[in-house]
C-alpha atoms as a PDB file:
ATOM      1  CA  MET A   1       7.633   6.270  -0.409  1.00  0.00           C
ATOM      2  CA  ASN A   2       4.880   8.544   0.867  1.00  0.00           C
ATOM      3  CA  HIS A   3       6.976  10.057   3.625  1.00  0.00           C
ATOM      4  CA  ASP A   4      10.419  10.304   2.027  1.00  0.00           C
ATOM      5  CA  ASP A   5      10.685  11.982  -1.373  1.00  0.00           C
ATOM      6  CA  LEU A   6      14.191  10.593  -1.963  1.00  0.00           C
ATOM      7  CA  MET A   7      13.298   6.941  -1.340  1.00  0.00           C
ATOM      8  CA  PRO A   8      11.999   6.133  -4.864  1.00  0.00           C
ATOM      9  CA  ASP A   9      15.280   7.301  -6.415  1.00  0.00           C
ATOM     10  CA  VAL A  10      17.345   5.332  -3.901  1.00  0.00           C
ATOM     11  CA  VAL A  11      15.295   2.154  -4.483  1.00  0.00           C
ATOM     12  CA  ALA A  12      15.429   2.517  -8.273  1.00  0.00           C
ATOM     13  CA  GLU A  13      19.168   3.194  -8.327  1.00  0.00           C
ATOM     14  CA  ALA A  14      19.966   0.327  -5.970  1.00  0.00           C
ATOM     15  CA  GLY A  15      17.595  -2.122  -7.645  1.00  0.00           C
ATOM     16  CA  ALA A  16      16.325  -2.906  -4.143  1.00  0.00           C
ATOM     17  CA  GLY A  17      13.028  -4.510  -3.315  1.00  0.00           C
ATOM     18  CA  VAL A  18      10.314  -2.309  -1.895  1.00  0.00           C
ATOM     19  CA  ILE A  19       7.088  -2.994  -0.036  1.00  0.00           C
ATOM     20  CA  LEU A  20       4.319  -0.515  -0.721  1.00  0.00           C
ATOM     21  CA  MET A  21       1.873  -0.436   2.180  1.00  0.00           C
ATOM     22  CA  HIS A  22      -1.540   1.133   2.606  1.00  0.00           C
ATOM     23  CA  MET A  23      -1.844   3.385   5.632  1.00  0.00           C
ATOM     24  CA  ARG A  24      -4.337   6.129   6.225  1.00  0.00           C
ATOM     25  CA  GLY A  25      -2.579   9.226   7.569  1.00  0.00           C
ATOM     26  CA  THR A  26       0.690   8.985   9.430  1.00  0.00           C
ATOM     27  CA  PRO A  27       1.794   6.618  12.204  1.00  0.00           C
ATOM     28  CA  LYS A  28       0.764   9.288  14.693  1.00  0.00           C
ATOM     29  CA  THR A  29      -2.725   9.831  13.206  1.00  0.00           C
ATOM     30  CA  MET A  30      -3.665   6.555  11.508  1.00  0.00           C
ATOM     31  CA  GLN A  31      -5.875   5.223  14.327  1.00  0.00           C
ATOM     32  CA  THR A  32      -7.599   8.521  15.130  1.00  0.00           C
ATOM     33  CA  GLY A  33     -10.826   9.961  13.789  1.00  0.00           C
ATOM     34  CA  ASP A  34     -13.335   8.140  11.629  1.00  0.00           C
ATOM     35  CA  LEU A  35     -11.915   4.786  10.526  1.00  0.00           C
ATOM     36  CA  THR A  36     -14.812   3.853   8.244  1.00  0.00           C
ATOM     37  CA  TYR A  37     -14.243   3.205   4.555  1.00  0.00           C
ATOM     38  CA  ARG A  38     -16.813   3.512   1.783  1.00  0.00           C
ATOM     39  CA  SER A  39     -15.240   0.536   0.051  1.00  0.00           C
ATOM     40  CA  LEU A  40     -12.381  -0.907   2.073  1.00  0.00           C
ATOM     41  CA  VAL A  41     -10.959  -3.240  -0.576  1.00  0.00           C
ATOM     42  CA  GLY A  42     -11.585  -0.676  -3.314  1.00  0.00           C
ATOM     43  CA  GLU A  43      -9.847   2.121  -1.438  1.00  0.00           C
ATOM     44  CA  VAL A  44      -6.880  -0.048  -0.475  1.00  0.00           C
ATOM     45  CA  SER A  45      -6.581  -1.347  -4.059  1.00  0.00           C
ATOM     46  CA  SER A  46      -6.815   2.150  -5.515  1.00  0.00           C
ATOM     47  CA  PHE A  47      -4.192   3.493  -3.104  1.00  0.00           C
ATOM     48  CA  LEU A  48      -1.800   0.632  -3.879  1.00  0.00           C
ATOM     49  CA  ARG A  49      -2.384   0.939  -7.650  1.00  0.00           C
ATOM     50  CA  GLU A  50      -1.476   4.626  -7.423  1.00  0.00           C
ATOM     51  CA  ARG A  51       1.689   3.823  -5.439  1.00  0.00           C
ATOM     52  CA  ILE A  52       2.660   1.099  -7.955  1.00  0.00           C
ATOM     53  CA  ASP A  53       2.171   3.531 -10.850  1.00  0.00           C
ATOM     54  CA  THR A  54       4.203   6.231  -9.090  1.00  0.00           C
ATOM     55  CA  ALA A  55       6.994   3.747  -8.357  1.00  0.00           C
ATOM     56  CA  GLY A  56       7.078   2.719 -12.011  1.00  0.00           C
ATOM     57  CA  LYS A  57       7.340   6.335 -13.127  1.00  0.00           C
ATOM     58  CA  LYS A  58      10.301   6.746 -10.769  1.00  0.00           C
ATOM     59  CA  GLY A  59      12.119   3.845 -12.446  1.00  0.00           C
ATOM     60  CA  ILE A  60      11.307   1.071  -9.973  1.00  0.00           C
ATOM     61  CA  ALA A  61      10.758  -2.179 -11.879  1.00  0.00           C
ATOM     62  CA  SER A  62       7.590  -4.126 -11.143  1.00  0.00           C
ATOM     63  CA  GLU A  63       9.730  -7.103 -10.078  1.00  0.00           C
ATOM     64  CA  GLN A  64      11.052  -5.005  -7.184  1.00  0.00           C
ATOM     65  CA  ILE A  65       7.582  -4.269  -5.792  1.00  0.00           C
ATOM     66  CA  MET A  66       5.542  -6.127  -3.219  1.00  0.00           C
ATOM     67  CA  ILE A  67       2.327  -4.804  -1.699  1.00  0.00           C
ATOM     68  CA  ASP A  68       0.987  -4.801   1.845  1.00  0.00           C
ATOM     69  CA  PRO A  69      -2.671  -3.922   2.546  1.00  0.00           C
ATOM     70  CA  GLY A  70      -1.587  -2.456   5.885  1.00  0.00           C
ATOM     71  CA  LEU A  71      -3.418  -4.689   8.323  1.00  0.00           C
ATOM     72  CA  GLY A  72      -3.867  -2.701  11.520  1.00  0.00           C
ATOM     73  CA  PHE A  73      -2.692   0.574   9.989  1.00  0.00           C
ATOM     74  CA  GLY A  74      -5.743   2.848  10.061  1.00  0.00           C
ATOM     75  CA  LYS A  75      -8.185  -0.033  10.084  1.00  0.00           C
ATOM     76  CA  THR A  76     -10.473  -1.657  12.605  1.00  0.00           C
ATOM     77  CA  ALA A  77     -10.181  -5.309  13.615  1.00  0.00           C
ATOM     78  CA  MET A  78     -13.142  -6.121  11.335  1.00  0.00           C
ATOM     79  CA  ASP A  79     -11.490  -4.241   8.470  1.00  0.00           C
ATOM     80  CA  ASN A  80      -8.430  -6.437   8.925  1.00  0.00           C
ATOM     81  CA  VAL A  81     -10.605  -9.568   8.738  1.00  0.00           C
ATOM     82  CA  ARG A  82     -12.300  -8.257   5.573  1.00  0.00           C
ATOM     83  CA  LEU A  83      -8.950  -7.529   3.941  1.00  0.00           C
ATOM     84  CA  ILE A  84      -7.647 -10.991   4.762  1.00  0.00           C
ATOM     85  CA  LYS A  85     -10.816 -12.484   3.289  1.00  0.00           C
ATOM     86  CA  HIS A  86     -10.313 -10.470   0.084  1.00  0.00           C
ATOM     87  CA  LEU A  87      -6.537 -10.763  -0.338  1.00  0.00           C
ATOM     88  CA  ARG A  88      -7.072 -12.594  -3.629  1.00  0.00           C
ATOM     89  CA  GLU A  89      -8.614  -9.418  -5.084  1.00  0.00           C
ATOM     90  CA  LEU A  90      -5.393  -7.541  -4.364  1.00  0.00           C
ATOM     91  CA  THR A  91      -3.496 -10.016  -6.556  1.00  0.00           C
ATOM     92  CA  LEU A  92      -5.249  -8.343  -9.481  1.00  0.00           C
ATOM     93  CA  LEU A  93      -2.752  -5.531  -8.976  1.00  0.00           C
ATOM     94  CA  GLY A  94      -0.146  -7.925 -10.354  1.00  0.00           C
ATOM     95  CA  ARG A  95       2.144  -7.832  -7.351  1.00  0.00           C
ATOM     96  CA  ARG A  96       2.859 -10.295  -4.570  1.00  0.00           C
ATOM     97  CA  SER A  97       1.235  -9.523  -1.248  1.00  0.00           C
END
């Protein structure tokens, strides 16, 4: 939903499921530059919370939404391990992951 402005309307109208994924940048840029995070789990959670809120405002029901912390998308191997270790914290967002 970050890269296609029409997608939220299509998903809402169709009642389709949607997976909201964290990714820093674009597929072309996500692994370039400084990959450090101040608070990895906090930043991923905040990003996903914002996407969930935006989806809701576009008419996408919470039951349609799943989340993906974006393992490997703009993260180091150790970041991926940390996210896996803290997946339970992402359940606080109220969505399946």
